[in-house]
PDB file of N, CA and C in Angstrom:
ATOM      1  N   MET A   1      -9.964  -6.461  -7.610  1.00  0.00           N
ATOM      2  CA  MET A   1     -10.753  -6.813  -8.768  1.00  0.00           C
ATOM      3  C   MET A   1     -11.571  -5.589  -9.151  1.00  0.00           C
ATOM      4  N   THR A   2     -11.340  -5.125 -10.347  1.00  0.00           N
ATOM      5  CA  THR A   2     -11.941  -3.868 -10.751  1.00  0.00           C
ATOM      6  C   THR A   2     -12.771  -4.004 -12.012  1.00  0.00           C
ATOM      7  N   LYS A   3     -13.488  -2.928 -12.308  1.00  0.00           N
ATOM      8  CA  LYS A   3     -14.308  -2.881 -13.517  1.00  0.00           C
ATOM      9  C   LYS A   3     -13.458  -2.644 -14.757  1.00  0.00           C
ATOM     10  N   ASN A   4     -12.295  -2.014 -14.568  1.00  0.00           N
ATOM     11  CA  ASN A   4     -11.452  -1.618 -15.692  1.00  0.00           C
ATOM     12  C   ASN A   4     -10.105  -2.313 -15.630  1.00  0.00           C
ATOM     13  N   HIS A   5      -9.448  -2.385 -16.788  1.00  0.00           N
ATOM     14  CA  HIS A   5      -8.097  -2.935 -16.829  1.00  0.00           C
ATOM     15  C   HIS A   5      -7.154  -2.030 -16.047  1.00  0.00           C
ATOM     16  N   LEU A   6      -6.197  -2.617 -15.372  1.00  0.00           N
ATOM     17  CA  LEU A   6      -5.193  -1.869 -14.641  1.00  0.00           C
ATOM     18  C   LEU A   6      -4.076  -1.459 -15.601  1.00  0.00           C
ATOM     19  N   ALA A   7      -3.633  -0.210 -15.486  1.00  0.00           N
ATOM     20  CA  ALA A   7      -2.563   0.273 -16.354  1.00  0.00           C
ATOM     21  C   ALA A   7      -1.303  -0.565 -16.183  1.00  0.00           C
ATOM     22  N   ALA A   8      -1.033  -1.003 -14.968  1.00  0.00           N
ATOM     23  CA  ALA A   8       0.172  -1.782 -14.699  1.00  0.00           C
ATOM     24  C   ALA A   8       0.058  -3.232 -15.169  1.00  0.00           C
ATOM     25  N   ALA A   9      -1.162  -3.706 -15.453  1.00  0.00           N
ATOM     26  CA  ALA A   9      -1.368  -5.089 -15.887  1.00  0.00           C
ATOM     27  C   ALA A   9      -2.506  -5.139 -16.908  1.00  0.00           C
ATOM     28  N   PRO A  10      -2.300  -4.550 -18.084  1.00  0.00           N
ATOM     29  CA  PRO A  10      -3.403  -4.444 -19.052  1.00  0.00           C
ATOM     30  C   PRO A  10      -3.891  -5.773 -19.610  1.00  0.00           C
ATOM     31  N   ASP A  11      -3.082  -6.831 -19.507  1.00  0.00           N
ATOM     32  CA  ASP A  11      -3.494  -8.130 -20.042  1.00  0.00           C
ATOM     33  C   ASP A  11      -4.280  -8.970 -19.039  1.00  0.00           C
ATOM     34  N   VAL A  12      -4.344  -8.518 -17.804  1.00  0.00           N
ATOM     35  CA  VAL A  12      -5.121  -9.232 -16.787  1.00  0.00           C
ATOM     36  C   VAL A  12      -6.595  -8.900 -17.007  1.00  0.00           C
ATOM     37  N   PRO A  13      -7.434  -9.921 -17.116  1.00  0.00           N
ATOM     38  CA  PRO A  13      -8.859  -9.651 -17.373  1.00  0.00           C
ATOM     39  C   PRO A  13      -9.536  -8.900 -16.228  1.00  0.00           C
ATOM     40  N   THR A  14     -10.540  -8.135 -16.576  1.00  0.00           N
ATOM     41  CA  THR A  14     -11.358  -7.488 -15.556  1.00  0.00           C
ATOM     42  C   THR A  14     -12.220  -8.558 -14.896  1.00  0.00           C
ATOM     43  N   VAL A  15     -12.882  -8.204 -13.826  1.00  0.00           N
ATOM     44  CA  VAL A  15     -13.761  -9.148 -13.140  1.00  0.00           C
ATOM     45  C   VAL A  15     -14.869  -9.613 -14.078  1.00  0.00           C
ATOM     46  N   ASP A  16     -15.460  -8.680 -14.810  1.00  0.00           N
ATOM     47  CA  ASP A  16     -16.527  -9.042 -15.744  1.00  0.00           C
ATOM     48  C   ASP A  16     -16.013 -10.024 -16.799  1.00  0.00           C
ATOM     49  N   GLU A  17     -14.821  -9.761 -17.328  1.00  0.00           N
ATOM     50  CA  GLU A  17     -14.244 -10.636 -18.347  1.00  0.00           C
ATOM     51  C   GLU A  17     -13.909 -12.018 -17.784  1.00  0.00           C
ATOM     52  N   ALA A  18     -13.636 -12.074 -16.497  1.00  0.00           N
ATOM     53  CA  ALA A  18     -13.308 -13.343 -15.850  1.00  0.00           C
ATOM     54  C   ALA A  18     -14.560 -14.134 -15.459  1.00  0.00           C
ATOM     55  N   GLY A  19     -15.744 -13.559 -15.708  1.00  0.00           N
ATOM     56  CA  GLY A  19     -16.982 -14.274 -15.438  1.00  0.00           C
ATOM     57  C   GLY A  19     -17.600 -14.013 -14.075  1.00  0.00           C
ATOM     58  N   LEU A  20     -17.112 -13.006 -13.362  1.00  0.00           N
ATOM     59  CA  LEU A  20     -17.660 -12.683 -12.042  1.00  0.00           C
ATOM     60  C   LEU A  20     -18.307 -11.304 -12.073  1.00  0.00           C
ATOM     61  N   SER A  21     -19.178 -11.098 -12.995  1.00  0.00           N
ATOM     62  CA  SER A  21     -19.797  -9.793 -13.193  1.00  0.00           C
ATOM     63  C   SER A  21     -20.361  -9.224 -11.895  1.00  0.00           C
ATOM     64  N   GLY A  22     -19.979  -7.988 -11.603  1.00  0.00           N
ATOM     65  CA  GLY A  22     -20.491  -7.307 -10.431  1.00  0.00           C
ATOM     66  C   GLY A  22     -19.713  -7.546  -9.152  1.00  0.00           C
ATOM     67  N   PHE A  23     -18.699  -8.398  -9.189  1.00  0.00           N
ATOM     68  CA  PHE A  23     -17.908  -8.701  -7.992  1.00  0.00           C
ATOM     69  C   PHE A  23     -16.660  -7.827  -7.987  1.00  0.00           C
ATOM     70  N   TYR A  24     -16.796  -6.616  -7.438  1.00  0.00           N
ATOM     71  CA  TYR A  24     -15.715  -5.648  -7.466  1.00  0.00           C
ATOM     72  C   TYR A  24     -15.147  -5.448  -6.070  1.00  0.00           C
ATOM     73  N   LEU A  25     -13.854  -5.401  -5.996  1.00  0.00           N
ATOM     74  CA  LEU A  25     -13.163  -5.175  -4.732  1.00  0.00           C
ATOM     75  C   LEU A  25     -12.240  -3.981  -4.880  1.00  0.00           C
ATOM     76  N   SER A  26     -12.059  -3.279  -3.808  1.00  0.00           N
ATOM     77  CA  SER A  26     -11.073  -2.203  -3.791  1.00  0.00           C
ATOM     78  C   SER A  26     -10.473  -2.124  -2.399  1.00  0.00           C
ATOM     79  N   ASN A  27      -9.291  -1.580  -2.336  1.00  0.00           N
ATOM     80  CA  ASN A  27      -8.643  -1.353  -1.046  1.00  0.00           C
ATOM     81  C   ASN A  27      -8.820   0.100  -0.675  1.00  0.00           C
ATOM     82  N   TRP A  28      -9.096   0.350   0.580  1.00  0.00           N
ATOM     83  CA  TRP A  28      -9.176   1.728   1.040  1.00  0.00           C
ATOM     84  C   TRP A  28      -8.761   1.774   2.499  1.00  0.00           C
ATOM     85  N   ASN A  29      -8.359   2.925   2.908  1.00  0.00           N
ATOM     86  CA  ASN A  29      -7.934   3.142   4.285  1.00  0.00           C
ATOM     87  C   ASN A  29      -8.573   4.408   4.800  1.00  0.00           C
ATOM     88  N   GLY A  30      -8.802   4.456   6.076  1.00  0.00           N
ATOM     89  CA  GLY A  30      -9.337   5.649   6.707  1.00  0.00           C
ATOM     90  C   GLY A  30      -8.667   5.841   8.049  1.00  0.00           C
ATOM     91  N   LEU A  31      -8.744   7.027   8.544  1.00  0.00           N
ATOM     92  CA  LEU A  31      -8.175   7.342   9.853  1.00  0.00           C
ATOM     93  C   LEU A  31      -9.283   7.957  10.695  1.00  0.00           C
ATOM     94  N   TRP A  32      -9.564   7.340  11.839  1.00  0.00           N
ATOM     95  CA  TRP A  32     -10.608   7.824  12.726  1.00  0.00           C
ATOM     96  C   TRP A  32      -9.980   8.318  14.020  1.00  0.00           C
ATOM     97  N   ALA A  33     -10.649   9.249  14.651  1.00  0.00           N
ATOM     98  CA  ALA A  33     -10.248   9.749  15.968  1.00  0.00           C
ATOM     99  C   ALA A  33     -11.498   9.761  16.839  1.00  0.00           C
ATOM    100  N   PRO A  34     -11.322   9.686  18.137  1.00  0.00           N
ATOM    101  CA  PRO A  34     -12.487   9.697  19.032  1.00  0.00           C
ATOM    102  C   PRO A  34     -13.285  10.989  18.894  1.00  0.00           C
ATOM    103  N   ASN A  35     -14.604  10.896  19.101  1.00  0.00           N
ATOM    104  CA  ASN A  35     -15.434  12.100  19.145  1.00  0.00           C
ATOM    105  C   ASN A  35     -14.859  13.057  20.167  1.00  0.00           C
ATOM    106  N   GLY A  36     -14.890  14.324  19.843  1.00  0.00           N
ATOM    107  CA  GLY A  36     -14.408  15.332  20.769  1.00  0.00           C
ATOM    108  C   GLY A  36     -12.922  15.621  20.649  1.00  0.00           C
ATOM    109  N   THR A  37     -12.224  14.918  19.737  1.00  0.00           N
ATOM    110  CA  THR A  37     -10.798  15.211  19.555  1.00  0.00           C
ATOM    111  C   THR A  37     -10.662  16.652  19.084  1.00  0.00           C
ATOM    112  N   HIS A  38      -9.772  17.390  19.701  1.00  0.00           N
ATOM    113  CA  HIS A  38      -9.614  18.809  19.393  1.00  0.00           C
ATOM    114  C   HIS A  38      -9.273  19.005  17.920  1.00  0.00           C
ATOM    115  N   LYS A  39      -9.843  20.049  17.310  1.00  0.00           N
ATOM    116  CA  LYS A  39      -9.657  20.289  15.878  1.00  0.00           C
ATOM    117  C   LYS A  39      -8.193  20.521  15.512  1.00  0.00           C
ATOM    118  N   ASN A  40      -7.394  21.052  16.429  1.00  0.00           N
ATOM    119  CA  ASN A  40      -5.963  21.237  16.151  1.00  0.00           C
ATOM    120  C   ASN A  40      -5.238  19.896  16.036  1.00  0.00           C
ATOM    121  N   VAL A  41      -5.659  18.934  16.845  1.00  0.00           N
ATOM    122  CA  VAL A  41      -5.076  17.587  16.781  1.00  0.00           C
ATOM    123  C   VAL A  41      -5.467  16.940  15.460  1.00  0.00           C
ATOM    124  N   ILE A  42      -6.720  17.073  15.086  1.00  0.00           N
ATOM    125  CA  ILE A  42      -7.190  16.522  13.810  1.00  0.00           C
ATOM    126  C   ILE A  42      -6.416  17.146  12.657  1.00  0.00           C
ATOM    127  N   ALA A  43      -6.241  18.462  12.695  1.00  0.00           N
ATOM    128  CA  ALA A  43      -5.515  19.161  11.627  1.00  0.00           C
ATOM    129  C   ALA A  43      -4.070  18.678  11.538  1.00  0.00           C
ATOM    130  N   ALA A  44      -3.421  18.487  12.671  1.00  0.00           N
ATOM    131  CA  ALA A  44      -2.038  18.019  12.678  1.00  0.00           C
ATOM    132  C   ALA A  44      -1.933  16.590  12.142  1.00  0.00           C
ATOM    133  N   LEU A  45      -2.842  15.728  12.577  1.00  0.00           N
ATOM    134  CA  LEU A  45      -2.866  14.356  12.060  1.00  0.00           C
ATOM    135  C   LEU A  45      -3.116  14.341  10.559  1.00  0.00           C
ATOM    136  N   ASN A  46      -4.078  15.145  10.131  1.00  0.00           N
ATOM    137  CA  ASN A  46      -4.406  15.214   8.714  1.00  0.00           C
ATOM    138  C   ASN A  46      -3.195  15.662   7.904  1.00  0.00           C
ATOM    139  N   ALA A  47      -2.497  16.699   8.358  1.00  0.00           N
ATOM    140  CA  ALA A  47      -1.331  17.207   7.640  1.00  0.00           C
ATOM    141  C   ALA A  47      -0.242  16.138   7.533  1.00  0.00           C
ATOM    142  N   ALA A  48      -0.025  15.393   8.615  1.00  0.00           N
ATOM    143  CA  ALA A  48       0.989  14.340   8.604  1.00  0.00           C
ATOM    144  C   ALA A  48       0.615  13.219   7.641  1.00  0.00           C
ATOM    145  N   VAL A  49      -0.637  12.831   7.653  1.00  0.00           N
ATOM    146  CA  VAL A  49      -1.095  11.771   6.753  1.00  0.00           C
ATOM    147  C   VAL A  49      -1.003  12.230   5.302  1.00  0.00           C
ATOM    148  N   VAL A  50      -1.405  13.459   5.032  1.00  0.00           N
ATOM    149  CA  VAL A  50      -1.347  13.991   3.666  1.00  0.00           C
ATOM    150  C   VAL A  50       0.095  13.997   3.161  1.00  0.00           C
ATOM    151  N   ARG A  51       1.040  14.424   3.992  1.00  0.00           N
ATOM    152  CA  ARG A  51       2.456  14.404   3.580  1.00  0.00           C
ATOM    153  C   ARG A  51       2.892  12.989   3.234  1.00  0.00           C
ATOM    154  N   SER A  52       2.512  12.043   4.056  1.00  0.00           N
ATOM    155  CA  SER A  52       2.872  10.648   3.823  1.00  0.00           C
ATOM    156  C   SER A  52       2.238  10.118   2.542  1.00  0.00           C
ATOM    157  N   ILE A  53       0.965  10.431   2.340  1.00  0.00           N
ATOM    158  CA  ILE A  53       0.246   9.958   1.153  1.00  0.00           C
ATOM    159  C   ILE A  53       0.843  10.563  -0.110  1.00  0.00           C
ATOM    160  N   GLN A  54       1.234  11.812  -0.065  1.00  0.00           N
ATOM    161  CA  GLN A  54       1.801  12.453  -1.249  1.00  0.00           C
ATOM    162  C   GLN A  54       3.053  11.716  -1.703  1.00  0.00           C
ATOM    163  N   CYS A  55       3.889  11.296  -0.766  1.00  0.00           N
ATOM    164  CA  CYS A  55       5.085  10.530  -1.122  1.00  0.00           C
ATOM    165  C   CYS A  55       4.688   9.196  -1.738  1.00  0.00           C
ATOM    166  N   SER A  56       3.716   8.529  -1.143  1.00  0.00           N
ATOM    167  CA  SER A  56       3.255   7.242  -1.658  1.00  0.00           C
ATOM    168  C   SER A  56       2.602   7.400  -3.022  1.00  0.00           C
ATOM    169  N   ALA A  57       1.832   8.462  -3.198  1.00  0.00           N
ATOM    170  CA  ALA A  57       1.152   8.689  -4.473  1.00  0.00           C
ATOM    171  C   ALA A  57       2.164   8.904  -5.584  1.00  0.00           C
ATOM    172  N   ARG A  58       3.210   9.653  -5.309  1.00  0.00           N
ATOM    173  CA  ARG A  58       4.245   9.865  -6.325  1.00  0.00           C
ATOM    174  C   ARG A  58       4.891   8.540  -6.713  1.00  0.00           C
ATOM    175  N   ALA A  59       5.206   7.717  -5.744  1.00  0.00           N
ATOM    176  CA  ALA A  59       5.822   6.422  -6.022  1.00  0.00           C
ATOM    177  C   ALA A  59       4.896   5.550  -6.866  1.00  0.00           C
ATOM    178  N   LEU A  60       3.606   5.564  -6.547  1.00  0.00           N
ATOM    179  CA  LEU A  60       2.648   4.761  -7.320  1.00  0.00           C
ATOM    180  C   LEU A  60       2.507   5.285  -8.735  1.00  0.00           C
ATOM    181  N   LEU A  61       2.489   6.600  -8.896  1.00  0.00           N
ATOM    182  CA  LEU A  61       2.378   7.167 -10.237  1.00  0.00           C
ATOM    183  C   LEU A  61       3.592   6.794 -11.088  1.00  0.00           C
ATOM    184  N   ILE A  62       4.749   6.824 -10.491  1.00  0.00           N
ATOM    185  CA  ILE A  62       5.962   6.446 -11.211  1.00  0.00           C
ATOM    186  C   ILE A  62       5.880   4.987 -11.651  1.00  0.00           C
ATOM    187  N   SER A  63       5.304   4.138 -10.817  1.00  0.00           N
ATOM    188  CA  SER A  63       5.203   2.711 -11.142  1.00  0.00           C
ATOM    189  C   SER A  63       4.037   2.408 -12.084  1.00  0.00           C
ATOM    190  N   GLY A  64       3.204   3.402 -12.369  1.00  0.00           N
ATOM    191  CA  GLY A  64       2.094   3.195 -13.300  1.00  0.00           C
ATOM    192  C   GLY A  64       0.809   2.746 -12.653  1.00  0.00           C
ATOM    193  N   ARG A  65       0.765   2.690 -11.328  1.00  0.00           N
ATOM    194  CA  ARG A  65      -0.465   2.300 -10.643  1.00  0.00           C
ATOM    195  C   ARG A  65      -1.233   3.548 -10.238  1.00  0.00           C
ATOM    196  N   SER A  66      -2.483   3.362  -9.907  1.00  0.00           N
ATOM    197  CA  SER A  66      -3.307   4.514  -9.557  1.00  0.00           C
ATOM    198  C   SER A  66      -3.449   4.653  -8.047  1.00  0.00           C
ATOM    199  N   PHE A  67      -3.764   5.863  -7.633  1.00  0.00           N
ATOM    200  CA  PHE A  67      -3.913   6.173  -6.220  1.00  0.00           C
ATOM    201  C   PHE A  67      -4.816   7.379  -6.127  1.00  0.00           C
ATOM    202  N   ARG A  68      -5.764   7.338  -5.221  1.00  0.00           N
ATOM    203  CA  ARG A  68      -6.680   8.464  -5.052  1.00  0.00           C
ATOM    204  C   ARG A  68      -6.780   8.795  -3.577  1.00  0.00           C
ATOM    205  N   CYS A  69      -6.672  10.044  -3.268  1.00  0.00           N
ATOM    206  CA  CYS A  69      -6.730  10.490  -1.880  1.00  0.00           C
ATOM    207  C   CYS A  69      -7.932  11.409  -1.700  1.00  0.00           C
ATOM    208  N   LEU A  70      -8.767  11.102  -0.732  1.00  0.00           N
ATOM    209  CA  LEU A  70      -9.922  11.941  -0.419  1.00  0.00           C
ATOM    210  C   LEU A  70      -9.678  12.623   0.915  1.00  0.00           C
ATOM    211  N   ARG A  71      -8.793  13.601   0.911  1.00  0.00           N
ATOM    212  CA  ARG A  71      -8.463  14.302   2.145  1.00  0.00           C
ATOM    213  C   ARG A  71      -9.661  15.101   2.644  1.00  0.00           C
ATOM    214  N   ASN A  72      -9.739  15.211   3.950  1.00  0.00           N
ATOM    215  CA  ASN A  72     -10.765  16.046   4.594  1.00  0.00           C
ATOM    216  C   ASN A  72     -12.172  15.707   4.111  1.00  0.00           C
ATOM    217  N   ARG A  73     -12.451  14.470   3.929  1.00  0.00           N
ATOM    218  CA  ARG A  73     -13.752  14.046   3.410  1.00  0.00           C
ATOM    219  C   ARG A  73     -14.474  13.200   4.442  1.00  0.00           C
ATOM    220  N   ARG A  74     -14.727  13.784   5.585  1.00  0.00           N
ATOM    221  CA  ARG A  74     -15.319  13.041   6.699  1.00  0.00           C
ATOM    222  C   ARG A  74     -16.632  12.366   6.311  1.00  0.00           C
ATOM    223  N   ARG A  75     -17.519  13.111   5.689  1.00  0.00           N
ATOM    224  CA  ARG A  75     -18.826  12.528   5.325  1.00  0.00           C
ATOM    225  C   ARG A  75     -18.672  11.444   4.268  1.00  0.00           C
ATOM    226  N   ARG A  76     -17.774  11.650   3.315  1.00  0.00           N
ATOM    227  CA  ARG A  76     -17.571  10.652   2.264  1.00  0.00           C
ATOM    228  C   ARG A  76     -16.982   9.373   2.829  1.00  0.00           C
ATOM    229  N   LEU A  77     -16.062   9.503   3.787  1.00  0.00           N
ATOM    230  CA  LEU A  77     -15.489   8.321   4.421  1.00  0.00           C
ATOM    231  C   LEU A  77     -16.568   7.576   5.197  1.00  0.00           C
ATOM    232  N   GLY A  78     -17.397   8.303   5.905  1.00  0.00           N
ATOM    233  CA  GLY A  78     -18.492   7.672   6.636  1.00  0.00           C
ATOM    234  C   GLY A  78     -19.457   6.954   5.703  1.00  0.00           C
ATOM    235  N   ALA A  79     -19.761   7.572   4.567  1.00  0.00           N
ATOM    236  CA  ALA A  79     -20.666   6.949   3.592  1.00  0.00           C
ATOM    237  C   ALA A  79     -20.022   5.708   2.977  1.00  0.00           C
ATOM    238  N   LEU A  80     -18.724   5.785   2.696  1.00  0.00           N
ATOM    239  CA  LEU A  80     -18.018   4.629   2.146  1.00  0.00           C
ATOM    240  C   LEU A  80     -18.010   3.482   3.148  1.00  0.00           C
ATOM    241  N   GLN A  81     -17.731   3.791   4.407  1.00  0.00           N
ATOM    242  CA  GLN A  81     -17.719   2.766   5.440  1.00  0.00           C
ATOM    243  C   GLN A  81     -19.098   2.113   5.562  1.00  0.00           C
ATOM    244  N   LYS A  82     -20.135   2.915   5.562  1.00  0.00           N
ATOM    245  CA  LYS A  82     -21.501   2.391   5.677  1.00  0.00           C
ATOM    246  C   LYS A  82     -21.835   1.490   4.484  1.00  0.00           C
ATOM    247  N   ALA A  83     -21.478   1.926   3.281  1.00  0.00           N
ATOM    248  CA  ALA A  83     -21.756   1.132   2.079  1.00  0.00           C
ATOM    249  C   ALA A  83     -21.001  -0.197   2.111  1.00  0.00           C
ATOM    250  N   GLU A  84     -19.755  -0.175   2.583  1.00  0.00           N
ATOM    251  CA  GLU A  84     -18.973  -1.404   2.664  1.00  0.00           C
ATOM    252  C   GLU A  84     -19.575  -2.373   3.682  1.00  0.00           C
ATOM    253  N   ILE A  85     -20.037  -1.851   4.814  1.00  0.00           N
ATOM    254  CA  ILE A  85     -20.678  -2.702   5.815  1.00  0.00           C
ATOM    255  C   ILE A  85     -21.952  -3.319   5.241  1.00  0.00           C
ATOM    256  N   GLU A  86     -22.762  -2.511   4.578  1.00  0.00           N
ATOM    257  CA  GLU A  86     -24.008  -3.017   3.991  1.00  0.00           C
ATOM    258  C   GLU A  86     -23.732  -4.059   2.907  1.00  0.00           C
ATOM    259  N   LYS A  87     -22.646  -3.886   2.181  1.00  0.00           N
ATOM    260  CA  LYS A  87     -22.297  -4.821   1.109  1.00  0.00           C
ATOM    261  C   LYS A  87     -21.770  -6.140   1.665  1.00  0.00           C
ATOM    262  N   TRP A  88     -20.836  -6.063   2.618  1.00  0.00           N
ATOM    263  CA  TRP A  88     -20.121  -7.250   3.048  1.00  0.00           C
ATOM    264  C   TRP A  88     -20.715  -7.950   4.262  1.00  0.00           C
ATOM    265  N   TRP A  89     -21.455  -7.261   5.123  1.00  0.00           N
ATOM    266  CA  TRP A  89     -21.954  -7.906   6.333  1.00  0.00           C
ATOM    267  C   TRP A  89     -22.842  -9.117   6.048  1.00  0.00           C
ATOM    268  N   PRO A  90     -23.779  -9.044   5.113  1.00  0.00           N
ATOM    269  CA  PRO A  90     -24.593 -10.238   4.841  1.00  0.00           C
ATOM    270  C   PRO A  90     -23.751 -11.425   4.368  1.00  0.00           C
ATOM    271  N   ILE A  91     -22.707 -11.159   3.610  1.00  0.00           N
ATOM    272  CA  ILE A  91     -21.826 -12.235   3.123  1.00  0.00           C
ATOM    273  C   ILE A  91     -21.043 -12.825   4.277  1.00  0.00           C
ATOM    274  N   ILE A  92     -20.514 -11.962   5.134  1.00  0.00           N
ATOM    275  CA  ILE A  92     -19.755 -12.424   6.296  1.00  0.00           C
ATOM    276  C   ILE A  92     -20.642 -13.256   7.216  1.00  0.00           C
ATOM    277  N   LYS A  93     -21.855 -12.761   7.449  1.00  0.00           N
ATOM    278  CA  LYS A  93     -22.790 -13.465   8.338  1.00  0.00           C
ATOM    279  C   LYS A  93     -23.194 -14.816   7.742  1.00  0.00           C
ATOM    280  N   ALA A  94     -23.518 -14.839   6.440  1.00  0.00           N
ATOM    281  CA  ALA A  94     -23.946 -16.082   5.797  1.00  0.00           C
ATOM    282  C   ALA A  94     -22.821 -17.112   5.775  1.00  0.00           C
ATOM    283  N   ALA A  95     -21.575 -16.652   5.679  1.00  0.00           N
ATOM    284  CA  ALA A  95     -20.446 -17.560   5.639  1.00  0.00           C
ATOM    285  C   ALA A  95     -19.989 -17.982   7.042  1.00  0.00           C
ATOM    286  N   GLY A  96     -20.576 -17.362   8.072  1.00  0.00           N
ATOM    287  CA  GLY A  96     -20.203 -17.697   9.442  1.00  0.00           C
ATOM    288  C   GLY A  96     -18.797 -17.258   9.814  1.00  0.00           C
ATOM    289  N   ILE A  97     -18.310 -16.198   9.173  1.00  0.00           N
ATOM    290  CA  ILE A  97     -16.963 -15.713   9.446  1.00  0.00           C
ATOM    291  C   ILE A  97     -16.946 -15.016  10.802  1.00  0.00           C
ATOM    292  N   LYS A  98     -15.954 -15.354  11.595  1.00  0.00           N
ATOM    293  CA  LYS A  98     -15.805 -14.759  12.933  1.00  0.00           C
ATOM    294  C   LYS A  98     -14.380 -14.244  13.091  1.00  0.00           C
ATOM    295  N   ALA A  99     -14.221 -13.197  13.878  1.00  0.00           N
ATOM    296  CA  ALA A  99     -12.896 -12.673  14.191  1.00  0.00           C
ATOM    297  C   ALA A  99     -12.182 -13.668  15.094  1.00  0.00           C
ATOM    298  N   GLU A 100     -10.901 -13.821  14.884  1.00  0.00           N
ATOM    299  CA  GLU A 100     -10.119 -14.744  15.726  1.00  0.00           C
ATOM    300  C   GLU A 100      -9.065 -13.990  16.485  1.00  0.00           C
TER     301      GLU A 100
END
């Protein structure tokens, strides 16, 4: 659920148009490694993931969907994770959601 119309589905209403103003969702993925992982291992993992993402990004562009990659953005990923926890944790707690 996004703020803007999707190129692949321009007739689908935005969240605001559907009456849920401010209720935005997005999918994201991150890759973490243990503290102290050698920088060469991180570089190799990063290169492999980037190669994989580039193939996926091309496929998505061909299909008309969007894709954004924030490679080598350790601080940005950490900030995104923190913001998502701050946003969703109160909702999860209030709803009594538990891992099964």
